[in-house]
Amino acid sequence: MLIGEVARRSGVSVRMLRHYDAVGLLRPTGRTVGGYREYSSDDVRRLFHVEGLRTLGLSLAQVADALRDPGFDPSGLVADLVRVTEQRLERERELLARLRTVDAAGAGTWTEVVDVVGLLRALGSPAAGRRQQAALATADGPAPPAELLARSFLAESDPHVAGALRWALRSGLERAGDPDAAAALAAGLGSDDPAVRRRAVDALADAAPVPSATAALLDALADPDPRVRRRAAIAAGRAGAVAAVPELVTMVRAGDDDVEAAEVLAELSRTDPASAGRILGALTGDLDGTDPATRIRVAQALVELPGPGPRDALSRLAADPDRAVALVAGAFADRRG
């Protein structure tokens, strides 16, 4: 088979076939009378082996080594290729994220592009002081891309820098009301690191007036980390989401940030009268068998709720067999009049 036919059938260019011959990777078995390259069926089979190995990212030298030695062990070479490919993909992902950030900034001039790139480099600095300075400096100029600040905040381990980034995010929301910040922060709720998810919830609380932020906080109520759930419940409840009520009631009963949870429940009862009965029932239901400390916390939460129902519940608790519970509930019932 002549070189032109091999190229046509294999899809490998004539030029590449000649290069393979020149470097000794694939030399045709014979030559015609006129001196043209003539490939045997074994030559074509070797060509397909060469092309198959090249699809894995092997260099021509590595392909030659693999084909030269029948006992060649590919495991080490393949492992190296996996590592190199992962590193290349990571660099490509970083480049893509950088390009998307610049695009989201809406830079209209190359000067503005350079400014965004400079902020990217500063926030990626290994020096915490420089990262903090870059975050604080965003308050004086145009609002930087919310996605950049959010991504930097979620990845930040230094508490001082994280605080500056959260302040910058909050300032940007107040100035621009950028919903992209909520979307970027919500992505942090999918992290395997509970600390990242807690930071995401804290920042989403600042963005809670944005509907997508409140929706993300409600999703966080199912988080396996109890601290994430508690922070999400407080923030979502303050944003008026009654779906946070079960977790808030659990917090009151368990004594986890119970005072703050009780305040949010009271506010929800006042702003959404339709949920007042549900909140009252959730707080007072199934109290039999609970410990006295739990019943005292429930009494403390009831005193803040509006309407006559809480006073009736406190009066019932004033007859509690535990003297401390009865005294606390009775005093609160008297306060309600």
Protein backbone atom coordinates (compact mmCIF):
# COMPACT_ATOMS: atom_id res chain seq x y z
CA MET A 1 0.00 0.00 0.00
CA LEU A 2 1.48 3.32 -1.07
CA ILE A 3 1.74 6.30 1.26
CA GLY A 4 -1.17 8.19 -0.32
CA GLU A 5 -3.57 5.31 0.19
CA VAL A 6 -2.39 4.77 3.78
CA ALA A 7 -2.98 8.46 4.50
CA ARG A 8 -6.44 8.33 2.94
CA ARG A 9 -7.53 5.22 4.85
CA SER A 10 -5.97 6.09 8.21
CA GLY A 11 -6.62 9.84 8.35
CA VAL A 12 -2.93 10.44 9.08
CA SER A 13 -1.45 13.04 6.75
CA VAL A 14 1.26 12.18 4.24
CA ARG A 15 3.47 14.75 5.91
CA MET A 16 3.07 13.04 9.31
CA LEU A 17 3.74 9.61 7.80
CA ARG A 18 6.98 10.93 6.34
CA HIS A 19 7.90 12.39 9.74
CA TYR A 20 7.26 9.03 11.42
CA ASP A 21 9.61 7.47 8.87
CA ALA A 22 12.26 10.14 9.46
CA VAL A 23 12.32 9.65 13.24
CA GLY A 24 12.25 5.85 12.93
CA LEU A 25 8.85 5.41 14.53
CA LEU A 26 7.15 3.84 11.50
CA ARG A 27 9.33 2.86 8.56
CA PRO A 28 7.59 1.21 5.60
CA THR A 29 8.68 -2.34 4.98
CA GLY A 30 9.43 -1.85 1.32
CA ARG A 31 9.91 0.45 -1.61
CA THR A 32 8.52 0.27 -5.11
CA VAL A 33 10.75 0.10 -8.16
CA GLY A 34 10.30 3.83 -8.45
CA GLY A 35 11.43 4.34 -4.83
CA TYR A 36 8.02 5.10 -3.34
CA ARG A 37 7.24 4.00 0.21
CA GLU A 38 5.22 0.79 0.36
CA TYR A 39 3.47 -0.21 3.60
CA SER A 40 2.62 -3.77 4.57
CA SER A 41 -0.39 -4.81 6.66
CA ASP A 42 1.92 -5.04 9.69
CA ASP A 43 3.08 -1.48 9.02
CA VAL A 44 -0.52 -0.26 8.98
CA ARG A 45 -1.25 -2.18 12.19
CA ARG A 46 1.75 -0.47 13.84
CA LEU A 47 0.46 2.89 12.59
CA PHE A 48 -2.83 2.34 14.38
CA HIS A 49 -0.92 1.43 17.55
CA VAL A 50 1.07 4.66 17.25
CA GLU A 51 -2.05 6.77 16.79
CA GLY A 52 -3.85 5.03 19.65
CA LEU A 53 -1.01 5.75 22.06
CA ARG A 54 -0.75 9.34 20.89
CA THR A 55 -4.42 9.90 21.80
CA LEU A 56 -3.37 9.31 25.43
CA GLY A 57 -0.99 12.27 25.24
CA LEU A 58 2.25 10.31 24.83
CA SER A 59 5.13 11.99 23.04
CA LEU A 60 6.62 10.33 19.97
CA ALA A 61 9.61 9.25 22.06
CA GLN A 62 7.32 7.64 24.63
CA VAL A 63 5.36 5.89 21.88
CA ALA A 64 8.61 4.54 20.45
CA ASP A 65 9.70 3.24 23.87
CA ALA A 66 6.35 1.55 24.41
CA LEU A 67 6.40 -0.20 21.02
CA ARG A 68 10.08 -1.12 21.20
CA ASP A 69 9.77 -3.16 24.40
CA PRO A 70 7.09 -5.91 24.37
CA GLY A 71 7.36 -6.17 28.17
CA PHE A 72 6.91 -2.44 28.71
CA ASP A 73 4.85 -1.73 31.86
CA PRO A 74 2.48 1.14 31.08
CA SER A 75 1.20 1.68 34.63
CA GLY A 76 3.89 4.17 35.70
CA LEU A 77 3.71 6.11 32.45
CA VAL A 78 -0.09 6.26 32.54
CA ALA A 79 0.00 7.47 36.16
CA ASP A 80 2.39 10.25 35.13
CA LEU A 81 0.10 11.19 32.26
CA VAL A 82 -2.87 11.35 34.63
CA ARG A 83 -0.96 13.67 36.96
CA VAL A 84 0.22 15.95 34.15
CA THR A 85 -3.25 16.08 32.61
CA GLU A 86 -4.86 16.95 35.95
CA GLN A 87 -2.37 19.77 36.43
CA ARG A 88 -3.08 21.08 32.94
CA LEU A 89 -6.83 20.91 33.52
CA GLU A 90 -6.46 22.78 36.80
CA ARG A 91 -4.50 25.52 35.04
CA GLU A 92 -7.18 25.66 32.34
CA ARG A 93 -9.93 25.89 34.97
CA GLU A 94 -8.09 28.73 36.69
CA LEU A 95 -7.72 30.52 33.37
CA LEU A 96 -11.40 30.00 32.56
CA ALA A 97 -12.43 31.36 35.97
CA ARG A 98 -10.16 34.37 35.47
CA LEU A 99 -11.61 35.06 32.03
CA ARG A 100 -15.16 34.75 33.32
CA THR A 101 -14.36 37.16 36.12
CA VAL A 102 -12.99 39.72 33.69
CA ASP A 103 -16.02 39.21 31.46
CA ALA A 104 -18.43 39.63 34.39
CA ALA A 105 -16.72 42.89 35.34
CA GLY A 106 -17.99 44.41 32.10
CA ALA A 107 -14.64 46.10 31.51
CA GLY A 108 -14.97 48.45 28.56
CA THR A 109 -11.30 49.38 28.19
CA TRP A 110 -8.00 47.61 28.53
CA THR A 111 -7.26 49.79 31.56
CA GLU A 112 -10.33 48.37 33.29
CA VAL A 113 -9.32 44.85 32.30
CA VAL A 114 -5.87 45.43 33.81
CA ASP A 115 -7.50 46.73 37.02
CA VAL A 116 -9.58 43.56 37.36
CA VAL A 117 -6.55 41.38 36.68
CA GLY A 118 -4.61 43.33 39.29
CA LEU A 119 -7.35 42.70 41.85
CA LEU A 120 -7.31 39.00 40.95
CA ARG A 121 -3.58 38.83 41.54
CA ALA A 122 -3.78 40.75 44.81
CA LEU A 123 -6.55 38.53 46.19
CA GLY A 124 -4.51 35.49 45.17
CA SER A 125 -1.37 36.74 46.92
CA PRO A 126 0.26 34.40 49.47
CA ALA A 127 0.56 37.41 51.82
CA ALA A 128 -2.54 37.79 53.99
CA GLY A 129 -1.85 41.49 54.47
CA ARG A 130 -1.93 42.15 50.75
CA ARG A 131 -5.17 40.20 50.34
CA GLN A 132 -6.75 42.17 53.17
CA GLN A 133 -5.58 45.48 51.72
CA ALA A 134 -7.03 44.55 48.31
CA ALA A 135 -10.38 43.66 49.87
CA LEU A 136 -10.59 46.90 51.84
CA ALA A 137 -9.60 48.97 48.80
CA THR A 138 -12.65 47.80 46.85
CA ALA A 139 -14.86 50.13 48.90
CA ASP A 140 -13.35 53.26 47.35
CA GLY A 141 -13.75 52.45 43.65
CA PRO A 142 -16.32 50.84 41.39
CA ALA A 143 -17.87 47.67 42.78
CA PRO A 144 -15.66 44.72 41.74
CA PRO A 145 -17.26 41.56 40.34
CA ALA A 146 -19.32 39.96 43.09
CA GLU A 147 -18.32 36.50 41.90
CA LEU A 148 -14.65 37.31 42.45
CA LEU A 149 -15.21 38.58 45.99
CA ALA A 150 -17.47 35.65 46.84
CA ARG A 151 -15.03 33.07 45.51
CA SER A 152 -12.15 34.70 47.38
CA PHE A 153 -14.20 34.91 50.59
CA LEU A 154 -15.15 31.24 50.49
CA ALA A 155 -11.54 30.18 49.91
CA GLU A 156 -10.05 32.49 52.55
CA SER A 157 -8.69 30.84 55.68
CA ASP A 158 -7.34 33.96 57.42
CA PRO A 159 -10.15 35.36 59.64
CA HIS A 160 -9.05 38.98 59.20
CA VAL A 161 -8.96 38.75 55.42
CA ALA A 162 -12.26 36.85 55.42
CA GLY A 163 -13.81 39.64 57.49
CA ALA A 164 -12.58 42.28 55.04
CA LEU A 165 -13.92 40.30 52.09
CA ARG A 166 -17.30 39.83 53.76
CA TRP A 167 -17.44 43.58 54.42
CA ALA A 168 -16.58 44.22 50.77
CA LEU A 169 -19.31 41.84 49.66
CA ARG A 170 -21.83 43.51 51.93
CA SER A 171 -20.83 46.94 50.66
CA GLY A 172 -21.21 45.79 47.08
CA LEU A 173 -24.69 44.44 47.77
CA GLU A 174 -25.74 47.69 49.39
CA ARG A 175 -24.43 49.72 46.44
CA ALA A 176 -25.43 47.49 43.57
CA GLY A 177 -27.72 44.81 44.94
CA ASP A 178 -25.80 42.34 42.78
CA PRO A 179 -27.69 39.00 42.69
CA ASP A 180 -24.60 37.31 41.26
CA ALA A 181 -23.06 37.46 44.73
CA ALA A 182 -25.81 35.22 46.10
CA ALA A 183 -25.35 32.71 43.29
CA ALA A 184 -21.58 32.60 43.82
CA LEU A 185 -21.96 32.19 47.58
CA ALA A 186 -24.61 29.51 47.18
CA ALA A 187 -22.04 27.44 45.30
CA GLY A 188 -20.05 27.31 48.55
CA LEU A 189 -22.85 25.30 50.16
CA GLY A 190 -21.76 22.37 48.03
CA SER A 191 -18.27 22.31 49.53
CA ASP A 192 -17.09 19.22 51.40
CA ASP A 193 -15.56 21.52 54.02
CA PRO A 194 -18.06 22.54 56.76
CA ALA A 195 -16.04 25.71 57.43
CA VAL A 196 -16.58 26.86 53.85
CA ARG A 197 -20.31 26.15 54.11
CA ARG A 198 -20.51 28.16 57.33
CA ARG A 199 -18.80 31.11 55.68
CA ALA A 200 -21.20 30.81 52.76
CA VAL A 201 -24.21 30.93 55.08
CA ASP A 202 -22.83 33.92 56.99
CA ALA A 203 -22.35 35.90 53.78
CA LEU A 204 -25.70 34.76 52.36
CA ALA A 205 -27.29 36.23 55.48
CA ASP A 206 -26.01 39.64 54.35
CA ALA A 207 -27.57 39.04 50.93
CA ALA A 208 -30.84 37.63 52.28
CA PRO A 209 -33.03 40.42 50.81
CA VAL A 210 -32.13 38.89 47.44
CA PRO A 211 -34.63 36.01 46.85
CA SER A 212 -31.96 33.66 45.55
CA ALA A 213 -29.97 34.15 48.77
CA THR A 214 -32.97 33.27 50.92
CA ALA A 215 -33.61 30.20 48.76
CA ALA A 216 -30.02 29.09 49.26
CA LEU A 217 -30.34 29.54 53.02
CA LEU A 218 -33.42 27.34 53.03
CA ASP A 219 -31.49 24.66 51.16
CA ALA A 220 -28.83 24.88 53.88
CA LEU A 221 -31.42 23.85 56.48
CA ALA A 222 -30.77 20.27 55.33
CA ASP A 223 -27.00 20.56 55.79
CA PRO A 224 -25.43 17.71 57.80
CA ASP A 225 -23.47 20.20 59.92
CA PRO A 226 -25.65 21.51 62.79
CA ARG A 227 -23.83 24.85 62.92
CA VAL A 228 -24.58 25.44 59.25
CA ARG A 229 -28.26 24.59 59.85
CA ARG A 230 -28.49 26.92 62.84
CA ARG A 231 -26.89 29.87 61.05
CA ALA A 232 -29.09 29.27 58.01
CA ALA A 233 -32.25 29.12 60.16
CA ILE A 234 -31.48 32.40 61.91
CA ALA A 235 -30.72 34.19 58.63
CA ALA A 236 -33.66 32.72 56.73
CA GLY A 237 -36.04 33.44 59.60
CA ARG A 238 -34.90 37.05 59.74
CA ALA A 239 -35.60 37.25 56.02
CA GLY A 240 -39.18 36.18 56.77
CA ALA A 241 -38.96 32.54 55.69
CA VAL A 242 -41.39 30.50 57.81
CA ALA A 243 -39.77 27.32 56.48
CA ALA A 244 -37.05 27.95 59.05
CA VAL A 245 -39.49 27.49 61.97
CA PRO A 246 -38.81 23.75 62.64
CA GLU A 247 -35.06 24.29 62.94
CA LEU A 248 -35.57 27.40 65.09
CA VAL A 249 -37.84 25.46 67.44
CA THR A 250 -35.26 22.70 67.64
CA MET A 251 -32.66 25.30 68.58
CA VAL A 252 -34.85 26.67 71.39
CA ARG A 253 -35.49 23.23 72.80
CA ALA A 254 -31.87 22.10 72.53
CA GLY A 255 -30.44 25.32 73.94
CA ASP A 256 -28.37 26.06 70.83
CA ASP A 257 -28.46 29.83 70.24
CA ASP A 258 -31.91 29.58 71.81
CA VAL A 259 -32.26 33.25 72.73
CA GLU A 260 -31.58 34.38 69.18
CA ALA A 261 -33.85 31.66 67.78
CA ALA A 262 -36.66 32.73 70.12
CA GLU A 263 -36.30 36.34 68.98
CA VAL A 264 -36.61 35.29 65.33
CA LEU A 265 -39.67 33.15 66.10
CA ALA A 266 -41.30 36.12 67.83
CA GLU A 267 -40.57 38.37 64.86
CA LEU A 268 -42.03 35.82 62.45
CA SER A 269 -45.16 35.57 64.59
CA ARG A 270 -45.60 39.34 64.48
CA THR A 271 -44.90 39.84 60.78
CA ASP A 272 -46.74 36.72 59.60
CA PRO A 273 -49.79 36.19 61.85
CA ALA A 274 -50.79 33.14 59.84
CA SER A 275 -47.70 31.33 61.11
CA ALA A 276 -48.17 32.35 64.77
CA GLY A 277 -50.33 29.33 65.59
CA ARG A 278 -47.91 26.99 63.89
CA ILE A 279 -45.00 28.42 65.88
CA LEU A 280 -46.91 28.17 69.15
CA GLY A 281 -47.87 24.57 68.46
CA ALA A 282 -44.34 23.60 67.52
CA LEU A 283 -42.91 25.12 70.70
CA THR A 284 -45.43 23.60 73.10
CA GLY A 285 -46.11 20.24 71.48
CA ASP A 286 -44.83 17.03 73.06
CA LEU A 287 -43.33 18.68 76.12
CA ASP A 288 -44.11 15.66 78.30
CA GLY A 289 -40.93 13.78 79.02
CA THR A 290 -38.64 16.68 78.24
CA ASP A 291 -36.21 17.87 80.90
CA PRO A 292 -36.99 20.96 83.03
CA ALA A 293 -34.32 23.05 81.30
CA THR A 294 -36.06 22.50 77.96
CA ARG A 295 -39.43 23.54 79.38
CA ILE A 296 -37.88 26.67 80.89
CA ARG A 297 -36.41 27.63 77.51
CA VAL A 298 -39.82 27.10 75.90
CA ALA A 299 -41.40 29.37 78.54
CA GLN A 300 -38.78 32.03 77.83
CA ALA A 301 -39.59 31.83 74.11
CA LEU A 302 -43.35 31.95 74.71
CA VAL A 303 -43.22 35.23 76.59
CA GLU A 304 -42.08 37.03 73.43
CA LEU A 305 -44.83 35.69 71.17
CA PRO A 306 -47.86 37.88 70.38
CA GLY A 307 -51.50 37.01 70.99
CA PRO A 308 -53.40 35.24 73.80
CA GLY A 309 -52.24 31.73 72.95
CA PRO A 310 -48.80 32.04 74.53
CA ARG A 311 -50.27 33.26 77.84
CA ASP A 312 -52.52 30.19 78.02
CA ALA A 313 -49.51 27.97 77.35
CA LEU A 314 -47.53 29.74 80.07
CA SER A 315 -50.41 29.28 82.52
CA ARG A 316 -50.33 25.55 81.86
CA LEU A 317 -46.59 25.48 82.41
CA ALA A 318 -47.12 27.36 85.69
CA ALA A 319 -48.67 24.15 86.97
CA ASP A 320 -45.62 22.10 85.95
CA PRO A 321 -44.55 19.52 88.55
CA ASP A 322 -41.02 20.91 88.47
CA ARG A 323 -40.89 23.87 90.84
CA ALA A 324 -38.33 25.85 88.79
CA VAL A 325 -40.38 25.49 85.60
CA ALA A 326 -43.58 26.46 87.44
CA LEU A 327 -42.00 29.56 88.97
CA VAL A 328 -40.51 30.80 85.67
CA ALA A 329 -43.67 30.12 83.69
CA GLY A 330 -45.86 31.71 86.37
CA ALA A 331 -43.75 34.86 86.44
CA PHE A 332 -43.90 35.13 82.64
CA ALA A 333 -47.66 34.55 82.64
CA ASP A 334 -48.09 37.41 85.11
CA ARG A 335 -45.99 39.65 82.86
CA ARG A 336 -48.31 38.89 79.96
CA GLY A 337 -51.26 39.93 82.13
